[in-house]
ModelCIF file with pLDDT and N, C-alpha, C, O atoms, coordinates in Angstrom:
data_MODEL
#
_entry.id   MODEL 
#
_entity.id                         1 
_entity.type                       polymer 
_entity.pdbx_number_of_molecules   1 
#
_entity_poly.entity_id                      1 
_entity_poly.type                           'polypeptide(L)' 
_entity_poly.nstd_linkage                   no 
_entity_poly.nstd_monomer                   no 
_entity_poly.pdbx_seq_one_letter_code       
;(UNK)(UNK)(UNK)(UNK)(UNK)(UNK)(UNK)(UNK)(UNK)(UNK)(UNK)(UNK)(UNK)(UNK)(UNK)(UNK)
(UNK)(UNK)(UNK)(UNK)(UNK)(UNK)(UNK)(UNK)(UNK)(UNK)(UNK)(UNK)(UNK)(UNK)(UNK)
;
_entity_poly.pdbx_seq_one_letter_code_can   XXXXXXXXXXXXXXXXXXXXXXXXXXXXXXX 
_entity_poly.pdbx_strand_id                 A 
#
loop_
_entity_poly_seq.entity_id 
_entity_poly_seq.num 
_entity_poly_seq.mon_id 
_entity_poly_seq.hetero 
1 1  UNK n 
1 2  UNK n 
1 3  UNK n 
1 4  UNK n 
1 5  UNK n 
1 6  UNK n 
1 7  UNK n 
1 8  UNK n 
1 9  UNK n 
1 10 UNK n 
1 11 UNK n 
1 12 UNK n 
1 13 UNK n 
1 14 UNK n 
1 15 UNK n 
1 16 UNK n 
1 17 UNK n 
1 18 UNK n 
1 19 UNK n 
1 20 UNK n 
1 21 UNK n 
1 22 UNK n 
1 23 UNK n 
1 24 UNK n 
1 25 UNK n 
1 26 UNK n 
1 27 UNK n 
1 28 UNK n 
1 29 UNK n 
1 30 UNK n 
1 31 UNK n 
#
_struct_asym.id          A 
_struct_asym.entity_id   1 
#
loop_
_ma_qa_metric.id 
_ma_qa_metric.mode 
_ma_qa_metric.name 
_ma_qa_metric.software_group_id 
_ma_qa_metric.type 
1 global pLDDT . pLDDT 
2 local  pLDDT . pLDDT 
#
_ma_qa_metric_global.metric_id      1 
_ma_qa_metric_global.metric_value   96.71 
_ma_qa_metric_global.model_id       1 
_ma_qa_metric_global.ordinal_id     1 
#
loop_
_ma_qa_metric_local.label_asym_id 
_ma_qa_metric_local.label_comp_id 
_ma_qa_metric_local.label_seq_id 
_ma_qa_metric_local.metric_id 
_ma_qa_metric_local.metric_value 
_ma_qa_metric_local.model_id 
_ma_qa_metric_local.ordinal_id 
A UNK 1  2 98.00 1 1  
A UNK 2  2 97.00 1 2  
A UNK 3  2 97.00 1 3  
A UNK 4  2 97.00 1 4  
A UNK 5  2 97.00 1 5  
A UNK 6  2 97.00 1 6  
A UNK 7  2 97.00 1 7  
A UNK 8  2 97.00 1 8  
A UNK 9  2 97.00 1 9  
A UNK 10 2 97.00 1 10 
A UNK 11 2 97.00 1 11 
A UNK 12 2 95.00 1 12 
A UNK 13 2 95.00 1 13 
A UNK 14 2 96.00 1 14 
A UNK 15 2 97.00 1 15 
A UNK 16 2 97.00 1 16 
A UNK 17 2 97.00 1 17 
A UNK 18 2 97.00 1 18 
A UNK 19 2 97.00 1 19 
A UNK 20 2 97.00 1 20 
A UNK 21 2 97.00 1 21 
A UNK 22 2 98.00 1 22 
A UNK 23 2 98.00 1 23 
A UNK 24 2 98.00 1 24 
A UNK 25 2 98.00 1 25 
A UNK 26 2 97.00 1 26 
A UNK 27 2 97.00 1 27 
A UNK 28 2 96.00 1 28 
A UNK 29 2 95.00 1 29 
A UNK 30 2 94.00 1 30 
A UNK 31 2 94.00 1 31 
#
loop_
_atom_site.group_PDB 
_atom_site.id 
_atom_site.type_symbol 
_atom_site.label_atom_id 
_atom_site.label_alt_id 
_atom_site.label_comp_id 
_atom_site.label_asym_id 
_atom_site.label_entity_id 
_atom_site.label_seq_id 
_atom_site.pdbx_PDB_ins_code 
_atom_site.Cartn_x 
_atom_site.Cartn_y 
_atom_site.Cartn_z 
_atom_site.occupancy 
_atom_site.B_iso_or_equiv 
_atom_site.pdbx_formal_charge 
_atom_site.auth_seq_id 
_atom_site.auth_comp_id 
_atom_site.auth_asym_id 
_atom_site.auth_atom_id 
_atom_site.pdbx_PDB_model_num 
ATOM 1   N N  . UNK A 1 1  ? -0.975  -8.140 -0.024  1.00 98.00 ? 1  UNK A N  1 
ATOM 2   C CA . UNK A 1 1  ? -0.255  -8.679 1.583   1.00 98.00 ? 1  UNK A CA 1 
ATOM 3   C C  . UNK A 1 1  ? 1.005   -7.768 1.546   1.00 98.00 ? 1  UNK A C  1 
ATOM 4   O O  . UNK A 1 1  ? 1.380   -7.365 2.647   1.00 98.00 ? 1  UNK A O  1 
ATOM 5   N N  . UNK A 1 2  ? 1.623   -7.433 0.602   1.00 97.00 ? 2  UNK A N  1 
ATOM 6   C CA . UNK A 1 2  ? 2.710   -6.236 0.733   1.00 97.00 ? 2  UNK A CA 1 
ATOM 7   C C  . UNK A 1 2  ? 2.374   -5.097 1.394   1.00 97.00 ? 2  UNK A C  1 
ATOM 8   O O  . UNK A 1 2  ? 3.315   -4.578 1.994   1.00 97.00 ? 2  UNK A O  1 
ATOM 9   N N  . UNK A 1 3  ? 1.413   -4.595 1.465   1.00 97.00 ? 3  UNK A N  1 
ATOM 10  C CA . UNK A 1 3  ? 0.418   -3.659 1.667   1.00 97.00 ? 3  UNK A CA 1 
ATOM 11  C C  . UNK A 1 3  ? 0.442   -3.896 3.295   1.00 97.00 ? 3  UNK A C  1 
ATOM 12  O O  . UNK A 1 3  ? 1.050   -3.234 4.136   1.00 97.00 ? 3  UNK A O  1 
ATOM 13  N N  . UNK A 1 4  ? -0.278  -4.874 3.454   1.00 97.00 ? 4  UNK A N  1 
ATOM 14  C CA . UNK A 1 4  ? -0.173  -5.193 5.108   1.00 97.00 ? 4  UNK A CA 1 
ATOM 15  C C  . UNK A 1 4  ? 0.917   -5.228 5.903   1.00 97.00 ? 4  UNK A C  1 
ATOM 16  O O  . UNK A 1 4  ? 1.011   -4.693 7.007   1.00 97.00 ? 4  UNK A O  1 
ATOM 17  N N  . UNK A 1 5  ? 1.985   -6.048 5.172   1.00 97.00 ? 5  UNK A N  1 
ATOM 18  C CA . UNK A 1 5  ? 2.908   -6.119 5.749   1.00 97.00 ? 5  UNK A CA 1 
ATOM 19  C C  . UNK A 1 5  ? 3.864   -4.944 6.162   1.00 97.00 ? 5  UNK A C  1 
ATOM 20  O O  . UNK A 1 5  ? 4.655   -4.985 7.105   1.00 97.00 ? 5  UNK A O  1 
ATOM 21  N N  . UNK A 1 6  ? 3.619   -3.651 5.111   1.00 97.00 ? 6  UNK A N  1 
ATOM 22  C CA . UNK A 1 6  ? 4.397   -2.537 5.324   1.00 97.00 ? 6  UNK A CA 1 
ATOM 23  C C  . UNK A 1 6  ? 3.473   -1.744 6.155   1.00 97.00 ? 6  UNK A C  1 
ATOM 24  O O  . UNK A 1 6  ? 4.091   -0.825 6.694   1.00 97.00 ? 6  UNK A O  1 
ATOM 25  N N  . UNK A 1 7  ? 2.378   -1.757 6.419   1.00 97.00 ? 7  UNK A N  1 
ATOM 26  C CA . UNK A 1 7  ? 1.465   -1.246 7.412   1.00 97.00 ? 7  UNK A CA 1 
ATOM 27  C C  . UNK A 1 7  ? 2.076   -1.633 8.849   1.00 97.00 ? 7  UNK A C  1 
ATOM 28  O O  . UNK A 1 7  ? 2.353   -0.780 9.692   1.00 97.00 ? 7  UNK A O  1 
ATOM 29  N N  . UNK A 1 8  ? 2.225   -2.790 9.004   1.00 97.00 ? 8  UNK A N  1 
ATOM 30  C CA . UNK A 1 8  ? 2.808   -3.320 10.186  1.00 97.00 ? 8  UNK A CA 1 
ATOM 31  C C  . UNK A 1 8  ? 3.868   -2.801 10.552  1.00 97.00 ? 8  UNK A C  1 
ATOM 32  O O  . UNK A 1 8  ? 3.958   -2.508 11.744  1.00 97.00 ? 8  UNK A O  1 
ATOM 33  N N  . UNK A 1 9  ? 5.032   -2.515 9.625   1.00 97.00 ? 9  UNK A N  1 
ATOM 34  C CA . UNK A 1 9  ? 6.087   -2.350 10.017  1.00 97.00 ? 9  UNK A CA 1 
ATOM 35  C C  . UNK A 1 9  ? 6.686   -0.939 10.044  1.00 97.00 ? 9  UNK A C  1 
ATOM 36  O O  . UNK A 1 9  ? 7.619   -0.612 10.778  1.00 97.00 ? 9  UNK A O  1 
ATOM 37  N N  . UNK A 1 10 ? 6.046   -0.116 9.157   1.00 97.00 ? 10 UNK A N  1 
ATOM 38  C CA . UNK A 1 10 ? 6.090   1.377  9.078   1.00 97.00 ? 10 UNK A CA 1 
ATOM 39  C C  . UNK A 1 10 ? 4.830   2.204  9.606   1.00 97.00 ? 10 UNK A C  1 
ATOM 40  O O  . UNK A 1 10 ? 5.087   3.208  10.271  1.00 97.00 ? 10 UNK A O  1 
ATOM 41  N N  . UNK A 1 11 ? 3.723   1.935  9.412   1.00 97.00 ? 11 UNK A N  1 
ATOM 42  C CA . UNK A 1 11 ? 2.418   2.478  10.137  1.00 97.00 ? 11 UNK A CA 1 
ATOM 43  C C  . UNK A 1 11 ? 1.625   3.015  8.577   1.00 97.00 ? 11 UNK A C  1 
ATOM 44  O O  . UNK A 1 11 ? 1.726   2.687  7.395   1.00 97.00 ? 11 UNK A O  1 
ATOM 45  N N  . UNK A 1 12 ? 0.841   3.979  9.337   1.00 95.00 ? 12 UNK A N  1 
ATOM 46  C CA . UNK A 1 12 ? -0.322  4.107  7.903   1.00 95.00 ? 12 UNK A CA 1 
ATOM 47  C C  . UNK A 1 12 ? 0.301   5.379  7.228   1.00 95.00 ? 12 UNK A C  1 
ATOM 48  O O  . UNK A 1 12 ? 0.208   5.487  6.005   1.00 95.00 ? 12 UNK A O  1 
ATOM 49  N N  . UNK A 1 13 ? 0.876   6.265  7.902   1.00 95.00 ? 13 UNK A N  1 
ATOM 50  C CA . UNK A 1 13 ? 1.275   7.114  7.144   1.00 95.00 ? 13 UNK A CA 1 
ATOM 51  C C  . UNK A 1 13 ? 2.750   7.384  6.463   1.00 95.00 ? 13 UNK A C  1 
ATOM 52  O O  . UNK A 1 13 ? 3.226   8.462  6.106   1.00 95.00 ? 13 UNK A O  1 
ATOM 53  N N  . UNK A 1 14 ? 3.219   6.304  6.409   1.00 96.00 ? 14 UNK A N  1 
ATOM 54  C CA . UNK A 1 14 ? 4.437   5.927  5.895   1.00 96.00 ? 14 UNK A CA 1 
ATOM 55  C C  . UNK A 1 14 ? 4.390   6.336  4.355   1.00 96.00 ? 14 UNK A C  1 
ATOM 56  O O  . UNK A 1 14 ? 3.443   6.130  3.596   1.00 96.00 ? 14 UNK A O  1 
ATOM 57  N N  . UNK A 1 15 ? 5.550   6.932  4.055   1.00 97.00 ? 15 UNK A N  1 
ATOM 58  C CA . UNK A 1 15 ? 5.741   7.155  1.995   1.00 97.00 ? 15 UNK A CA 1 
ATOM 59  C C  . UNK A 1 15 ? 5.303   5.775  1.673   1.00 97.00 ? 15 UNK A C  1 
ATOM 60  O O  . UNK A 1 15 ? 4.178   5.587  1.211   1.00 97.00 ? 15 UNK A O  1 
ATOM 61  N N  . UNK A 1 16 ? 6.150   4.773  1.897   1.00 97.00 ? 16 UNK A N  1 
ATOM 62  C CA . UNK A 1 16 ? 6.335   3.285  1.649   1.00 97.00 ? 16 UNK A CA 1 
ATOM 63  C C  . UNK A 1 16 ? 4.701   2.828  1.733   1.00 97.00 ? 16 UNK A C  1 
ATOM 64  O O  . UNK A 1 16 ? 4.275   2.139  0.806   1.00 97.00 ? 16 UNK A O  1 
ATOM 65  N N  . UNK A 1 17 ? 4.041   3.100  2.529   1.00 97.00 ? 17 UNK A N  1 
ATOM 66  C CA . UNK A 1 17 ? 2.596   2.924  2.528   1.00 97.00 ? 17 UNK A CA 1 
ATOM 67  C C  . UNK A 1 17 ? 1.700   3.270  1.671   1.00 97.00 ? 17 UNK A C  1 
ATOM 68  O O  . UNK A 1 17 ? 0.788   2.573  1.225   1.00 97.00 ? 17 UNK A O  1 
ATOM 69  N N  . UNK A 1 18 ? 1.973   4.431  1.417   1.00 97.00 ? 18 UNK A N  1 
ATOM 70  C CA . UNK A 1 18 ? 1.066   5.614  0.421   1.00 97.00 ? 18 UNK A CA 1 
ATOM 71  C C  . UNK A 1 18 ? 1.209   4.883  -1.029  1.00 97.00 ? 18 UNK A C  1 
ATOM 72  O O  . UNK A 1 18 ? 0.312   4.725  -1.857  1.00 97.00 ? 18 UNK A O  1 
ATOM 73  N N  . UNK A 1 19 ? 2.665   4.451  -1.127  1.00 97.00 ? 19 UNK A N  1 
ATOM 74  C CA . UNK A 1 19 ? 3.214   4.449  -2.622  1.00 97.00 ? 19 UNK A CA 1 
ATOM 75  C C  . UNK A 1 19 ? 2.331   2.994  -2.810  1.00 97.00 ? 19 UNK A C  1 
ATOM 76  O O  . UNK A 1 19 ? 1.691   2.937  -3.860  1.00 97.00 ? 19 UNK A O  1 
ATOM 77  N N  . UNK A 1 20 ? 2.234   1.834  -1.912  1.00 97.00 ? 20 UNK A N  1 
ATOM 78  C CA . UNK A 1 20 ? 1.974   0.580  -2.186  1.00 97.00 ? 20 UNK A CA 1 
ATOM 79  C C  . UNK A 1 20 ? 0.351   0.828  -2.197  1.00 97.00 ? 20 UNK A C  1 
ATOM 80  O O  . UNK A 1 20 ? -0.329  0.040  -2.854  1.00 97.00 ? 20 UNK A O  1 
ATOM 81  N N  . UNK A 1 21 ? -0.120  1.617  -1.676  1.00 97.00 ? 21 UNK A N  1 
ATOM 82  C CA . UNK A 1 21 ? -1.545  1.686  -1.486  1.00 97.00 ? 21 UNK A CA 1 
ATOM 83  C C  . UNK A 1 21 ? -2.101  2.427  -2.771  1.00 97.00 ? 21 UNK A C  1 
ATOM 84  O O  . UNK A 1 21 ? -3.216  2.082  -3.161  1.00 97.00 ? 21 UNK A O  1 
ATOM 85  N N  . UNK A 1 22 ? -1.359  3.503  -3.525  1.00 98.00 ? 22 UNK A N  1 
ATOM 86  C CA . UNK A 1 22 ? -1.445  3.958  -4.699  1.00 98.00 ? 22 UNK A CA 1 
ATOM 87  C C  . UNK A 1 22 ? -1.408  2.901  -5.868  1.00 98.00 ? 22 UNK A C  1 
ATOM 88  O O  . UNK A 1 22 ? -2.128  2.963  -6.865  1.00 98.00 ? 22 UNK A O  1 
ATOM 89  N N  . UNK A 1 23 ? -0.298  1.741  -5.564  1.00 98.00 ? 23 UNK A N  1 
ATOM 90  C CA . UNK A 1 23 ? -0.578  0.526  -6.489  1.00 98.00 ? 23 UNK A CA 1 
ATOM 91  C C  . UNK A 1 23 ? -1.119  -0.555 -6.617  1.00 98.00 ? 23 UNK A C  1 
ATOM 92  O O  . UNK A 1 23 ? -1.139  -1.150 -7.695  1.00 98.00 ? 23 UNK A O  1 
ATOM 93  N N  . UNK A 1 24 ? -1.712  -1.045 -5.421  1.00 98.00 ? 24 UNK A N  1 
ATOM 94  C CA . UNK A 1 24 ? -3.103  -1.503 -5.165  1.00 98.00 ? 24 UNK A CA 1 
ATOM 95  C C  . UNK A 1 24 ? -4.222  -0.954 -5.778  1.00 98.00 ? 24 UNK A C  1 
ATOM 96  O O  . UNK A 1 24 ? -4.964  -1.734 -6.375  1.00 98.00 ? 24 UNK A O  1 
ATOM 97  N N  . UNK A 1 25 ? -4.614  0.729  -5.745  1.00 98.00 ? 25 UNK A N  1 
ATOM 98  C CA . UNK A 1 25 ? -5.592  1.019  -6.119  1.00 98.00 ? 25 UNK A CA 1 
ATOM 99  C C  . UNK A 1 25 ? -5.689  1.219  -7.852  1.00 98.00 ? 25 UNK A C  1 
ATOM 100 O O  . UNK A 1 25 ? -6.795  1.505  -8.309  1.00 98.00 ? 25 UNK A O  1 
ATOM 101 N N  . UNK A 1 26 ? -4.699  1.088  -8.651  1.00 97.00 ? 26 UNK A N  1 
ATOM 102 C CA . UNK A 1 26 ? -4.374  1.150  -9.578  1.00 97.00 ? 26 UNK A CA 1 
ATOM 103 C C  . UNK A 1 26 ? -4.525  -0.109 -10.435 1.00 97.00 ? 26 UNK A C  1 
ATOM 104 O O  . UNK A 1 26 ? -4.889  -0.139 -11.610 1.00 97.00 ? 26 UNK A O  1 
ATOM 105 N N  . UNK A 1 27 ? -4.128  -1.322 -9.520  1.00 97.00 ? 27 UNK A N  1 
ATOM 106 C CA . UNK A 1 27 ? -4.631  -2.685 -9.702  1.00 97.00 ? 27 UNK A CA 1 
ATOM 107 C C  . UNK A 1 27 ? -6.087  -3.017 -9.474  1.00 97.00 ? 27 UNK A C  1 
ATOM 108 O O  . UNK A 1 27 ? -6.551  -3.939 -10.145 1.00 97.00 ? 27 UNK A O  1 
ATOM 109 N N  . UNK A 1 28 ? -6.636  -2.576 -8.871  1.00 96.00 ? 28 UNK A N  1 
ATOM 110 C CA . UNK A 1 28 ? -7.895  -2.496 -8.733  1.00 96.00 ? 28 UNK A CA 1 
ATOM 111 C C  . UNK A 1 28 ? -9.062  -1.596 -9.544  1.00 96.00 ? 28 UNK A C  1 
ATOM 112 O O  . UNK A 1 28 ? -10.271 -1.799 -9.656  1.00 96.00 ? 28 UNK A O  1 
ATOM 113 N N  . UNK A 1 29 ? -8.409  -0.775 -9.941  1.00 95.00 ? 29 UNK A N  1 
ATOM 114 C CA . UNK A 1 29 ? -8.978  -0.124 -11.133 1.00 95.00 ? 29 UNK A CA 1 
ATOM 115 C C  . UNK A 1 29 ? -9.093  -0.833 -12.783 1.00 95.00 ? 29 UNK A C  1 
ATOM 116 O O  . UNK A 1 29 ? -10.014 -0.850 -13.599 1.00 95.00 ? 29 UNK A O  1 
ATOM 117 N N  . UNK A 1 30 ? -7.870  -1.315 -12.804 1.00 94.00 ? 30 UNK A N  1 
ATOM 118 C CA . UNK A 1 30 ? -7.442  -2.110 -13.896 1.00 94.00 ? 30 UNK A CA 1 
ATOM 119 C C  . UNK A 1 30 ? -8.933  -3.217 -13.626 1.00 94.00 ? 30 UNK A C  1 
ATOM 120 O O  . UNK A 1 30 ? -10.012 -2.964 -14.163 1.00 94.00 ? 30 UNK A O  1 
ATOM 121 N N  . UNK A 1 31 ? -8.763  -4.176 -12.903 1.00 94.00 ? 31 UNK A N  1 
ATOM 122 C CA . UNK A 1 31 ? -9.607  -5.095 -12.718 1.00 94.00 ? 31 UNK A CA 1 
ATOM 123 C C  . UNK A 1 31 ? -11.082 -4.807 -12.965 1.00 94.00 ? 31 UNK A C  1 
ATOM 124 O O  . UNK A 1 31 ? -11.921 -5.690 -12.790 1.00 94.00 ? 31 UNK A O  1 
#
């Protein structure tokens, strides 16, 4: 949800988007 909000606000190539995407990847890998 955070990632969707950040993409809507800053776009796909934002450093904030990249950071959240990596955090999501880490959680998905743990799962």
